[in-house]
Amino acid sequence: MDNEIKAWLFDIKLAIDEIESFFEEGNKIFENFNKDIKTKRAVERNLEIIG
């Protein structure tokens, strides 16, 4: 596999892990997320990285 593709996939995996780390286990309530601007922006940024 091309090193560039591996780097891409690694960045995607890190972004997913970071998004998951923003939420307590089992506490993924949209209303809470929507009120927390810092978490919202951090998730949006990681989605940009994935995209």
PDB file of N, CA and C in Angstrom:
ATOM      1  N   MET A   1       0.852  -1.185   0.000  1.00  0.00           N
ATOM      2  CA  MET A   1       0.000   0.000   0.000  1.00  0.00           C
ATOM      3  C   MET A   1       0.890   1.238   0.000  1.00  0.00           C
ATOM      4  N   ASP A   2       0.484   2.213  -0.743  1.00  0.00           N
ATOM      5  CA  ASP A   2       1.212   3.474  -0.871  1.00  0.00           C
ATOM      6  C   ASP A   2       1.304   4.177   0.488  1.00  0.00           C
ATOM      7  N   ASN A   3       2.459   4.758   0.767  1.00  0.00           N
ATOM      8  CA  ASN A   3       2.656   5.460   2.049  1.00  0.00           C
ATOM      9  C   ASN A   3       1.700   6.630   2.225  1.00  0.00           C
ATOM     10  N   GLU A   4       1.355   7.295   1.132  1.00  0.00           N
ATOM     11  CA  GLU A   4       0.421   8.420   1.222  1.00  0.00           C
ATOM     12  C   GLU A   4      -0.960   7.932   1.661  1.00  0.00           C
ATOM     13  N   ILE A   5      -1.387   6.805   1.146  1.00  0.00           N
ATOM     14  CA  ILE A   5      -2.676   6.230   1.527  1.00  0.00           C
ATOM     15  C   ILE A   5      -2.643   5.804   2.990  1.00  0.00           C
ATOM     16  N   LYS A   6      -1.546   5.211   3.421  1.00  0.00           N
ATOM     17  CA  LYS A   6      -1.415   4.813   4.833  1.00  0.00           C
ATOM     18  C   LYS A   6      -1.503   6.031   5.744  1.00  0.00           C
ATOM     19  N   ALA A   7      -0.853   7.114   5.366  1.00  0.00           N
ATOM     20  CA  ALA A   7      -0.890   8.342   6.173  1.00  0.00           C
ATOM     21  C   ALA A   7      -2.314   8.882   6.233  1.00  0.00           C
ATOM     22  N   TRP A   8      -3.012   8.838   5.117  1.00  0.00           N
ATOM     23  CA  TRP A   8      -4.411   9.281   5.052  1.00  0.00           C
ATOM     24  C   TRP A   8      -5.283   8.477   5.992  1.00  0.00           C
ATOM     25  N   LEU A   9      -5.156   7.160   5.913  1.00  0.00           N
ATOM     26  CA  LEU A   9      -5.954   6.281   6.761  1.00  0.00           C
ATOM     27  C   LEU A   9      -5.615   6.465   8.239  1.00  0.00           C
ATOM     28  N   PHE A  10      -4.349   6.681   8.535  1.00  0.00           N
ATOM     29  CA  PHE A  10      -3.930   6.925   9.918  1.00  0.00           C
ATOM     30  C   PHE A  10      -4.572   8.208  10.447  1.00  0.00           C
ATOM     31  N   ASP A  11      -4.581   9.271   9.633  1.00  0.00           N
ATOM     32  CA  ASP A  11      -5.204  10.534  10.045  1.00  0.00           C
ATOM     33  C   ASP A  11      -6.703  10.371  10.274  1.00  0.00           C
ATOM     34  N   ILE A  12      -7.351   9.588   9.431  1.00  0.00           N
ATOM     35  CA  ILE A  12      -8.785   9.339   9.584  1.00  0.00           C
ATOM     36  C   ILE A  12      -9.051   8.595  10.886  1.00  0.00           C
ATOM     37  N   LYS A  13      -8.244   7.576  11.157  1.00  0.00           N
ATOM     38  CA  LYS A  13      -8.396   6.799  12.402  1.00  0.00           C
ATOM     39  C   LYS A  13      -8.194   7.690  13.633  1.00  0.00           C
ATOM     40  N   LEU A  14      -7.192   8.553  13.590  1.00  0.00           N
ATOM     41  CA  LEU A  14      -6.958   9.468  14.716  1.00  0.00           C
ATOM     42  C   LEU A  14      -8.137  10.416  14.916  1.00  0.00           C
ATOM     43  N   ALA A  15      -8.690  10.922  13.829  1.00  0.00           N
ATOM     44  CA  ALA A  15      -9.829  11.835  13.932  1.00  0.00           C
ATOM     45  C   ALA A  15     -11.034  11.133  14.548  1.00  0.00           C
ATOM     46  N   ILE A  16     -11.278   9.903  14.141  1.00  0.00           N
ATOM     47  CA  ILE A  16     -12.394   9.134  14.706  1.00  0.00           C
ATOM     48  C   ILE A  16     -12.182   8.886  16.193  1.00  0.00           C
ATOM     49  N   ASP A  17     -10.973   8.486  16.559  1.00  0.00           N
ATOM     50  CA  ASP A  17     -10.667   8.243  17.973  1.00  0.00           C
ATOM     51  C   ASP A  17     -10.831   9.515  18.797  1.00  0.00           C
ATOM     52  N   GLU A  18     -10.425  10.642  18.227  1.00  0.00           N
ATOM     53  CA  GLU A  18     -10.550  11.909  18.950  1.00  0.00           C
ATOM     54  C   GLU A  18     -12.014  12.285  19.145  1.00  0.00           C
ATOM     55  N   ILE A  19     -12.832  12.115  18.114  1.00  0.00           N
ATOM     56  CA  ILE A  19     -14.264  12.404  18.242  1.00  0.00           C
ATOM     57  C   ILE A  19     -14.873  11.545  19.346  1.00  0.00           C
ATOM     58  N   GLU A  20     -14.551  10.263  19.344  1.00  0.00           N
ATOM     59  CA  GLU A  20     -15.093   9.372  20.366  1.00  0.00           C
ATOM     60  C   GLU A  20     -14.634   9.766  21.764  1.00  0.00           C
ATOM     61  N   SER A  21     -13.442  10.312  21.883  1.00  0.00           N
ATOM     62  CA  SER A  21     -12.919  10.684  23.199  1.00  0.00           C
ATOM     63  C   SER A  21     -13.638  11.897  23.796  1.00  0.00           C
ATOM     64  N   PHE A  22     -14.346  12.654  22.970  1.00  0.00           N
ATOM     65  CA  PHE A  22     -15.057  13.834  23.463  1.00  0.00           C
ATOM     66  C   PHE A  22     -16.298  13.490  24.271  1.00  0.00           C
ATOM     67  N   PHE A  23     -16.740  12.252  24.173  1.00  0.00           N
ATOM     68  CA  PHE A  23     -17.993  11.852  24.807  1.00  0.00           C
ATOM     69  C   PHE A  23     -17.748  10.772  25.844  1.00  0.00           C
ATOM     70  N   GLU A  24     -18.429  10.916  26.977  1.00  0.00           N
ATOM     71  CA  GLU A  24     -18.366   9.877  27.997  1.00  0.00           C
ATOM     72  C   GLU A  24     -19.054   8.632  27.456  1.00  0.00           C
ATOM     73  N   GLU A  25     -18.632   7.496  27.919  1.00  0.00           N
ATOM     74  CA  GLU A  25     -19.215   6.233  27.462  1.00  0.00           C
ATOM     75  C   GLU A  25     -20.721   6.234  27.683  1.00  0.00           C
ATOM     76  N   GLY A  26     -21.461   6.029  26.628  1.00  0.00           N
ATOM     77  CA  GLY A  26     -22.908   5.937  26.716  1.00  0.00           C
ATOM     78  C   GLY A  26     -23.625   7.268  26.870  1.00  0.00           C
ATOM     79  N   ASN A  27     -22.897   8.379  26.883  1.00  0.00           N
ATOM     80  CA  ASN A  27     -23.517   9.688  27.091  1.00  0.00           C
ATOM     81  C   ASN A  27     -23.430  10.514  25.808  1.00  0.00           C
ATOM     82  N   LYS A  28     -24.102  10.048  24.779  1.00  0.00           N
ATOM     83  CA  LYS A  28     -24.068  10.735  23.489  1.00  0.00           C
ATOM     84  C   LYS A  28     -25.451  11.304  23.194  1.00  0.00           C
ATOM     85  N   ILE A  29     -25.819  12.304  23.953  1.00  0.00           N
ATOM     86  CA  ILE A  29     -27.128  12.935  23.808  1.00  0.00           C
ATOM     87  C   ILE A  29     -26.947  14.189  22.944  1.00  0.00           C
ATOM     88  N   PHE A  30     -27.694  14.245  21.853  1.00  0.00           N
ATOM     89  CA  PHE A  30     -27.524  15.324  20.897  1.00  0.00           C
ATOM     90  C   PHE A  30     -27.729  16.704  21.517  1.00  0.00           C
ATOM     91  N   GLU A  31     -28.692  16.837  22.380  1.00  0.00           N
ATOM     92  CA  GLU A  31     -28.972  18.138  22.992  1.00  0.00           C
ATOM     93  C   GLU A  31     -27.757  18.642  23.780  1.00  0.00           C
ATOM     94  N   ASN A  32     -27.092  17.736  24.503  1.00  0.00           N
ATOM     95  CA  ASN A  32     -25.896  18.120  25.255  1.00  0.00           C
ATOM     96  C   ASN A  32     -24.777  18.533  24.308  1.00  0.00           C
ATOM     97  N   PHE A  33     -24.610  17.768  23.248  1.00  0.00           N
ATOM     98  CA  PHE A  33     -23.594  18.090  22.247  1.00  0.00           C
ATOM     99  C   PHE A  33     -23.875  19.441  21.608  1.00  0.00           C
ATOM    100  N   ASN A  34     -25.111  19.675  21.259  1.00  0.00           N
ATOM    101  CA  ASN A  34     -25.490  20.896  20.561  1.00  0.00           C
ATOM    102  C   ASN A  34     -25.276  22.147  21.420  1.00  0.00           C
ATOM    103  N   LYS A  35     -25.334  22.012  22.735  1.00  0.00           N
ATOM    104  CA  LYS A  35     -25.126  23.140  23.646  1.00  0.00           C
ATOM    105  C   LYS A  35     -23.653  23.428  23.909  1.00  0.00           C
ATOM    106  N   ASP A  36     -22.780  22.468  23.644  1.00  0.00           N
ATOM    107  CA  ASP A  36     -21.355  22.597  23.960  1.00  0.00           C
ATOM    108  C   ASP A  36     -20.580  23.031  22.712  1.00  0.00           C
ATOM    109  N   ILE A  37     -20.379  24.327  22.565  1.00  0.00           N
ATOM    110  CA  ILE A  37     -19.780  24.884  21.347  1.00  0.00           C
ATOM    111  C   ILE A  37     -18.349  24.375  21.109  1.00  0.00           C
ATOM    112  N   LYS A  38     -17.584  24.179  22.176  1.00  0.00           N
ATOM    113  CA  LYS A  38     -16.207  23.706  21.998  1.00  0.00           C
ATOM    114  C   LYS A  38     -16.165  22.296  21.424  1.00  0.00           C
ATOM    115  N   THR A  39     -16.980  21.423  21.975  1.00  0.00           N
ATOM    116  CA  THR A  39     -17.030  20.050  21.479  1.00  0.00           C
ATOM    117  C   THR A  39     -17.578  20.029  20.061  1.00  0.00           C
ATOM    118  N   LYS A  40     -18.573  20.839  19.821  1.00  0.00           N
ATOM    119  CA  LYS A  40     -19.181  20.913  18.494  1.00  0.00           C
ATOM    120  C   LYS A  40     -18.138  21.312  17.442  1.00  0.00           C
ATOM    121  N   ARG A  41     -17.368  22.337  17.745  1.00  0.00           N
ATOM    122  CA  ARG A  41     -16.336  22.798  16.804  1.00  0.00           C
ATOM    123  C   ARG A  41     -15.226  21.764  16.634  1.00  0.00           C
ATOM    124  N   ALA A  42     -14.867  21.091  17.710  1.00  0.00           N
ATOM    125  CA  ALA A  42     -13.821  20.065  17.636  1.00  0.00           C
ATOM    126  C   ALA A  42     -14.271  18.892  16.776  1.00  0.00           C
ATOM    127  N   VAL A  43     -15.527  18.490  16.934  1.00  0.00           N
ATOM    128  CA  VAL A  43     -16.059  17.401  16.119  1.00  0.00           C
ATOM    129  C   VAL A  43     -16.118  17.839  14.655  1.00  0.00           C
ATOM    130  N   GLU A  44     -16.572  19.044  14.414  1.00  0.00           N
ATOM    131  CA  GLU A  44     -16.637  19.560  13.035  1.00  0.00           C
ATOM    132  C   GLU A  44     -15.260  19.559  12.390  1.00  0.00           C
ATOM    133  N   ARG A  45     -14.255  19.976  13.128  1.00  0.00           N
ATOM    134  CA  ARG A  45     -12.885  20.006  12.586  1.00  0.00           C
ATOM    135  C   ARG A  45     -12.408  18.598  12.238  1.00  0.00           C
ATOM    136  N   ASN A  46     -12.673  17.643  13.110  1.00  0.00           N
ATOM    137  CA  ASN A  46     -12.263  16.280  12.828  1.00  0.00           C
ATOM    138  C   ASN A  46     -13.023  15.692  11.649  1.00  0.00           C
ATOM    139  N   LEU A  47     -14.265  16.085  11.469  1.00  0.00           N
ATOM    140  CA  LEU A  47     -15.009  15.636  10.294  1.00  0.00           C
ATOM    141  C   LEU A  47     -14.417  16.235   9.013  1.00  0.00           C
ATOM    142  N   GLU A  48     -13.900  17.455   9.112  1.00  0.00           N
ATOM    143  CA  GLU A  48     -13.203  18.052   7.965  1.00  0.00           C
ATOM    144  C   GLU A  48     -11.961  17.246   7.615  1.00  0.00           C
ATOM    145  N   ILE A  49     -11.245  16.810   8.627  1.00  0.00           N
ATOM    146  CA  ILE A  49     -10.046  16.000   8.398  1.00  0.00           C
ATOM    147  C   ILE A  49     -10.421  14.692   7.719  1.00  0.00           C
ATOM    148  N   ILE A  50     -11.501  14.070   8.183  1.00  0.00           N
ATOM    149  CA  ILE A  50     -11.939  12.810   7.597  1.00  0.00           C
ATOM    150  C   ILE A  50     -12.368  13.018   6.138  1.00  0.00           C
ATOM    151  N   GLY A  51     -13.057  14.132   5.886  1.00  0.00           N
ATOM    152  CA  GLY A  51     -13.571  14.401   4.546  1.00  0.00           C
ATOM    153  C   GLY A  51     -12.505  14.844   3.614  1.00  0.00           C
TER     154      GLY A  51
END
